Structures are given as C-alpha cells and as structure tokens.
C-alpha cells in the first residue's frame, strides 16, 4: 500500500488535472460547450435514454440537464420523442447530425491529446490509459457509496 505522502501528492495531481480538462474544453467547437459535448458523448456511448437517466449519468440535477438538452436539440443534434412506456416522459436520441458532431468532438480532443503527448511513447500512453481505467473502475465498483470525506486542499 502506498504511503500517506503518495496519496497527498495524488490529491494535488487530481487538483492540477483540472487544467488539463479546461484545455480539452477549449478545443471544443464554440457552438458545443462542455455540457453539450457530455450529453452527446453519453448518448453516443449508452444509446437512447430518458432525461432522468441522462441526469444521473451527468451527475447533475434535472434543470441543468434540461438546459444542456435544449441546447443540443436546438442545433438538431438530438431529438426528443415520447416514451412508449410513459407518454409523459421523453426519450432522447442522437440524430445523424448529432453523430457527426460526436465524431467532430472526438477528432478535436484526439488531435489535441496527440499534439500534447507527442513526446510520449506508445507504451507510456497505453500505461496511462490502463491506470486511468483502473482508477475509474475502483470508483465505479464502490457500492454502496462510502460517506464522503473532507477534501484536502493543498
């Protein structure tokens, strides 16, 4: 098991990783802010779904989800249709234009990462990918969720 100092450094690195996410956000097309990109990405990855499921996956409340959905609907990237199981609910689906936008977003972020990591070896990129996936799975597997501990600020 790692020592306390290693975990403290890891917390500092997580905080600093916000700069990486912001840089990735700046590469997005101006008509597709990060929230809209997240909606499109989740629909691409998980398929059609209700707004409540999307809000759960985004980890935001329904009002925030609704604003993001309205933005992408106005651009023709997704459509809302009645849920056959519950006519009060809507099912969200990517449109062909939405699928094209997901491809565009993927190209933008992939190209930015390729530029930023151009001096990394293929093995280093693969190792980072493996470790990030492993870290994410550690958090995905936590059930039930343990009570939150206070954040350590450095």
C-alpha atoms as a PDB file:
ATOM      1  CA  UNK A   1       0.000   0.000   0.000  1.00  0.00           C
ATOM      2  CA  UNK A   2       1.218   3.491  -0.837  1.00  0.00           C
ATOM      3  CA  UNK A   3       2.364   5.867   1.875  1.00  0.00           C
ATOM      4  CA  UNK A   4       0.328   8.872   3.044  1.00  0.00           C
ATOM      5  CA  UNK A   5       2.638  11.295   1.204  1.00  0.00           C
ATOM      6  CA  UNK A   6       1.948   9.483  -2.082  1.00  0.00           C
ATOM      7  CA  UNK A   7      -1.812   9.873  -1.613  1.00  0.00           C
ATOM      8  CA  UNK A   8      -1.352  13.541  -0.745  1.00  0.00           C
ATOM      9  CA  UNK A   9       0.624  14.043  -3.965  1.00  0.00           C
ATOM     10  CA  UNK A  10      -2.086  12.193  -5.865  1.00  0.00           C
ATOM     11  CA  UNK A  11      -4.685  14.618  -4.476  1.00  0.00           C
ATOM     12  CA  UNK A  12      -2.531  17.546  -5.674  1.00  0.00           C
ATOM     13  CA  UNK A  13      -2.270  15.980  -9.119  1.00  0.00           C
ATOM     14  CA  UNK A  14      -6.046  15.498  -9.300  1.00  0.00           C
ATOM     15  CA  UNK A  15      -6.494  19.181  -8.471  1.00  0.00           C
ATOM     16  CA  UNK A  16      -3.981  20.153 -11.144  1.00  0.00           C
ATOM     17  CA  UNK A  17      -5.703  17.870 -13.650  1.00  0.00           C
ATOM     18  CA  UNK A  18      -8.453  20.482 -13.829  1.00  0.00           C
ATOM     19  CA  UNK A  19      -6.112  22.480 -16.093  1.00  0.00           C
ATOM     20  CA  UNK A  20      -5.959  19.536 -18.499  1.00  0.00           C
ATOM     21  CA  UNK A  21      -9.759  19.294 -18.592  1.00  0.00           C
ATOM     22  CA  UNK A  22     -10.070  23.048 -19.166  1.00  0.00           C
ATOM     23  CA  UNK A  23      -7.591  22.851 -22.053  1.00  0.00           C
ATOM     24  CA  UNK A  24      -9.574  19.991 -23.556  1.00  0.00           C
ATOM     25  CA  UNK A  25     -12.732  22.085 -23.188  1.00  0.00           C
ATOM     26  CA  UNK A  26     -11.101  24.952 -25.085  1.00  0.00           C
ATOM     27  CA  UNK A  27     -10.577  22.661 -28.081  1.00  0.00           C
ATOM     28  CA  UNK A  28     -14.324  22.081 -28.408  1.00  0.00           C
ATOM     29  CA  UNK A  29     -16.167  23.933 -31.165  1.00  0.00           C
ATOM     30  CA  UNK A  30     -17.671  27.204 -29.887  1.00  0.00           C
ATOM     31  CA  UNK A  31     -21.213  26.002 -30.607  1.00  0.00           C
ATOM     32  CA  UNK A  32     -20.722  22.916 -28.429  1.00  0.00           C
ATOM     33  CA  UNK A  33     -19.719  23.740 -24.840  1.00  0.00           C
ATOM     34  CA  UNK A  34     -18.585  21.017 -22.449  1.00  0.00           C
ATOM     35  CA  UNK A  35     -22.083  20.271 -21.102  1.00  0.00           C
ATOM     36  CA  UNK A  36     -23.452  19.755 -24.585  1.00  0.00           C
ATOM     37  CA  UNK A  37     -20.456  17.632 -25.517  1.00  0.00           C
ATOM     38  CA  UNK A  38     -21.088  15.470 -22.439  1.00  0.00           C
ATOM     39  CA  UNK A  39     -24.739  14.946 -23.448  1.00  0.00           C
ATOM     40  CA  UNK A  40     -23.741  13.907 -26.965  1.00  0.00           C
ATOM     41  CA  UNK A  41     -20.970  11.637 -25.743  1.00  0.00           C
ATOM     42  CA  UNK A  42     -23.217   9.853 -23.250  1.00  0.00           C
ATOM     43  CA  UNK A  43     -25.964   9.318 -25.815  1.00  0.00           C
ATOM     44  CA  UNK A  44     -23.384   8.001 -28.258  1.00  0.00           C
ATOM     45  CA  UNK A  45     -21.916   5.639 -25.683  1.00  0.00           C
ATOM     46  CA  UNK A  46     -25.131   4.431 -23.996  1.00  0.00           C
ATOM     47  CA  UNK A  47     -27.766   4.849 -26.715  1.00  0.00           C
ATOM     48  CA  UNK A  48     -31.182   6.467 -26.370  1.00  0.00           C
ATOM     49  CA  UNK A  49     -32.427   7.174 -22.861  1.00  0.00           C
ATOM     50  CA  UNK A  50     -34.786   9.181 -20.706  1.00  0.00           C
ATOM     51  CA  UNK A  51     -33.770  12.581 -19.400  1.00  0.00           C
ATOM     52  CA  UNK A  52     -33.679  11.213 -15.833  1.00  0.00           C
ATOM     53  CA  UNK A  53     -31.085   8.609 -16.828  1.00  0.00           C
ATOM     54  CA  UNK A  54     -29.030  11.271 -18.601  1.00  0.00           C
ATOM     55  CA  UNK A  55     -29.121  13.489 -15.492  1.00  0.00           C
ATOM     56  CA  UNK A  56     -27.921  10.530 -13.428  1.00  0.00           C
ATOM     57  CA  UNK A  57     -25.038   9.832 -15.819  1.00  0.00           C
ATOM     58  CA  UNK A  58     -24.099  13.516 -15.921  1.00  0.00           C
ATOM     59  CA  UNK A  59     -24.343  13.674 -12.111  1.00  0.00           C
ATOM     60  CA  UNK A  60     -26.270  16.951 -12.273  1.00  0.00           C
ATOM     61  CA  UNK A  61     -29.852  17.895 -11.467  1.00  0.00           C
ATOM     62  CA  UNK A  62     -32.673  17.838 -13.983  1.00  0.00           C
ATOM     63  CA  UNK A  63     -32.705  21.619 -14.521  1.00  0.00           C
ATOM     64  CA  UNK A  64     -29.046  21.590 -15.630  1.00  0.00           C
ATOM     65  CA  UNK A  65     -29.660  18.530 -17.801  1.00  0.00           C
ATOM     66  CA  UNK A  66     -32.687  20.212 -19.353  1.00  0.00           C
ATOM     67  CA  UNK A  67     -30.619  23.273 -20.325  1.00  0.00           C
ATOM     68  CA  UNK A  68     -27.958  21.097 -21.956  1.00  0.00           C
ATOM     69  CA  UNK A  69     -30.594  19.053 -23.778  1.00  0.00           C
ATOM     70  CA  UNK A  70     -32.371  22.188 -25.020  1.00  0.00           C
ATOM     71  CA  UNK A  71     -29.071  23.469 -26.440  1.00  0.00           C
ATOM     72  CA  UNK A  72     -28.366  20.281 -28.397  1.00  0.00           C
ATOM     73  CA  UNK A  73     -31.996  19.898 -29.552  1.00  0.00           C
ATOM     74  CA  UNK A  74     -31.925  23.475 -30.931  1.00  0.00           C
ATOM     75  CA  UNK A  75     -28.887  22.512 -33.013  1.00  0.00           C
ATOM     76  CA  UNK A  76     -30.556  19.365 -34.350  1.00  0.00           C
ATOM     77  CA  UNK A  77     -28.056  17.028 -32.686  1.00  0.00           C
ATOM     78  CA  UNK A  78     -30.624  15.073 -30.682  1.00  0.00           C
ATOM     79  CA  UNK A  79     -34.335  14.537 -30.840  1.00  0.00           C
ATOM     80  CA  UNK A  80     -36.896  14.072 -28.093  1.00  0.00           C
ATOM     81  CA  UNK A  81     -39.715  11.635 -28.704  1.00  0.00           C
ATOM     82  CA  UNK A  82     -42.491  10.343 -26.445  1.00  0.00           C
ATOM     83  CA  UNK A  83     -41.578   7.329 -24.346  1.00  0.00           C
ATOM     84  CA  UNK A  84     -43.925   4.498 -25.393  1.00  0.00           C
ATOM     85  CA  UNK A  85     -43.911   3.200 -21.806  1.00  0.00           C
ATOM     86  CA  UNK A  86     -44.785   6.588 -20.268  1.00  0.00           C
ATOM     87  CA  UNK A  87     -46.178   9.290 -22.549  1.00  0.00           C
ATOM     88  CA  UNK A  88     -45.218  11.982 -20.012  1.00  0.00           C
ATOM     89  CA  UNK A  89     -41.539  11.156 -20.457  1.00  0.00           C
ATOM     90  CA  UNK A  90     -39.306  11.757 -23.448  1.00  0.00           C
ATOM     91  CA  UNK A  91     -36.658   9.545 -24.981  1.00  0.00           C
ATOM     92  CA  UNK A  92     -33.512  11.307 -26.164  1.00  0.00           C
ATOM     93  CA  UNK A  93     -31.775  10.047 -29.311  1.00  0.00           C
ATOM     94  CA  UNK A  94     -28.832  11.226 -31.363  1.00  0.00           C
ATOM     95  CA  UNK A  95     -29.684  12.401 -34.846  1.00  0.00           C
ATOM     96  CA  UNK A  96     -27.354  11.829 -37.803  1.00  0.00           C
ATOM     97  CA  UNK A  97     -26.162  15.433 -37.297  1.00  0.00           C
ATOM     98  CA  UNK A  98     -25.516  14.572 -33.640  1.00  0.00           C
ATOM     99  CA  UNK A  99     -23.480  11.526 -34.615  1.00  0.00           C
ATOM    100  CA  UNK A 100     -21.437  13.728 -36.952  1.00  0.00           C
ATOM    101  CA  UNK A 101     -20.915  16.215 -34.114  1.00  0.00           C
ATOM    102  CA  UNK A 102     -19.725  13.407 -31.803  1.00  0.00           C
ATOM    103  CA  UNK A 103     -17.205  12.414 -34.475  1.00  0.00           C
ATOM    104  CA  UNK A 104     -16.067  16.039 -34.759  1.00  0.00           C
ATOM    105  CA  UNK A 105     -15.662  16.329 -30.970  1.00  0.00           C
ATOM    106  CA  UNK A 106     -13.712  13.101 -30.846  1.00  0.00           C
ATOM    107  CA  UNK A 107     -11.359  14.296 -33.587  1.00  0.00           C
ATOM    108  CA  UNK A 108     -10.783  17.629 -31.800  1.00  0.00           C
ATOM    109  CA  UNK A 109      -9.881  16.072 -28.463  1.00  0.00           C
ATOM    110  CA  UNK A 110      -7.884  13.231 -30.001  1.00  0.00           C
ATOM    111  CA  UNK A 111      -5.821  15.644 -32.092  1.00  0.00           C
ATOM    112  CA  UNK A 112      -5.175  17.878 -29.069  1.00  0.00           C
ATOM    113  CA  UNK A 113      -4.030  14.911 -26.978  1.00  0.00           C
ATOM    114  CA  UNK A 114      -1.817  13.664 -29.813  1.00  0.00           C
ATOM    115  CA  UNK A 115      -0.142  17.101 -30.018  1.00  0.00           C
ATOM    116  CA  UNK A 116       0.301  17.439 -26.241  1.00  0.00           C
ATOM    117  CA  UNK A 117       1.601  13.885 -25.797  1.00  0.00           C
ATOM    118  CA  UNK A 118       3.707  13.788 -28.966  1.00  0.00           C
ATOM    119  CA  UNK A 119       6.889  13.110 -26.980  1.00  0.00           C
ATOM    120  CA  UNK A 120       5.316  10.191 -25.090  1.00  0.00           C
ATOM    121  CA  UNK A 121       5.944   6.643 -26.259  1.00  0.00           C
ATOM    122  CA  UNK A 122       3.061   4.388 -27.259  1.00  0.00           C
ATOM    123  CA  UNK A 123       3.780   2.335 -24.133  1.00  0.00           C
ATOM    124  CA  UNK A 124       3.512   5.423 -21.899  1.00  0.00           C
ATOM    125  CA  UNK A 125       0.171   6.412 -23.415  1.00  0.00           C
ATOM    126  CA  UNK A 126      -1.072   2.820 -23.051  1.00  0.00           C
ATOM    127  CA  UNK A 127       0.102   2.702 -19.429  1.00  0.00           C
ATOM    128  CA  UNK A 128      -1.655   5.983 -18.598  1.00  0.00           C
ATOM    129  CA  UNK A 129      -4.841   4.729 -20.250  1.00  0.00           C
ATOM    130  CA  UNK A 130      -4.713   1.440 -18.323  1.00  0.00           C
ATOM    131  CA  UNK A 131      -4.102   3.165 -15.000  1.00  0.00           C
ATOM    132  CA  UNK A 132      -6.854   5.740 -15.538  1.00  0.00           C
ATOM    133  CA  UNK A 133      -9.309   2.977 -16.470  1.00  0.00           C
ATOM    134  CA  UNK A 134      -8.278   1.022 -13.388  1.00  0.00           C
ATOM    135  CA  UNK A 135      -8.727   4.079 -11.167  1.00  0.00           C
ATOM    136  CA  UNK A 136     -12.158   4.771 -12.628  1.00  0.00           C
ATOM    137  CA  UNK A 137     -13.220   1.158 -12.114  1.00  0.00           C
ATOM    138  CA  UNK A 138     -12.205   1.384  -8.439  1.00  0.00           C
ATOM    139  CA  UNK A 139     -14.720   4.189  -8.031  1.00  0.00           C
ATOM    140  CA  UNK A 140     -17.370   2.516 -10.203  1.00  0.00           C
ATOM    141  CA  UNK A 141     -17.176  -0.625  -8.064  1.00  0.00           C
ATOM    142  CA  UNK A 142     -17.801   1.202  -4.778  1.00  0.00           C
ATOM    143  CA  UNK A 143     -21.293   0.119  -3.794  1.00  0.00           C
ATOM    144  CA  UNK A 144     -22.823   1.294  -1.644  1.00  0.00           C
ATOM    145  CA  UNK A 145     -21.015   4.588  -1.770  1.00  0.00           C
ATOM    146  CA  UNK A 146     -18.963   5.327   1.282  1.00  0.00           C
ATOM    147  CA  UNK A 147     -19.595   8.633   3.070  1.00  0.00           C
ATOM    148  CA  UNK A 148     -17.619  11.488   1.602  1.00  0.00           C
ATOM    149  CA  UNK A 149     -14.530  12.590   3.413  1.00  0.00           C
ATOM    150  CA  UNK A 150     -13.492  16.222   3.573  1.00  0.00           C
ATOM    151  CA  UNK A 151     -11.412  17.361   0.621  1.00  0.00           C
ATOM    152  CA  UNK A 152      -7.787  18.038   1.302  1.00  0.00           C
ATOM    153  CA  UNK A 153      -6.703  21.361  -0.127  1.00  0.00           C
ATOM    154  CA  UNK A 154      -3.091  21.994  -0.869  1.00  0.00           C
END
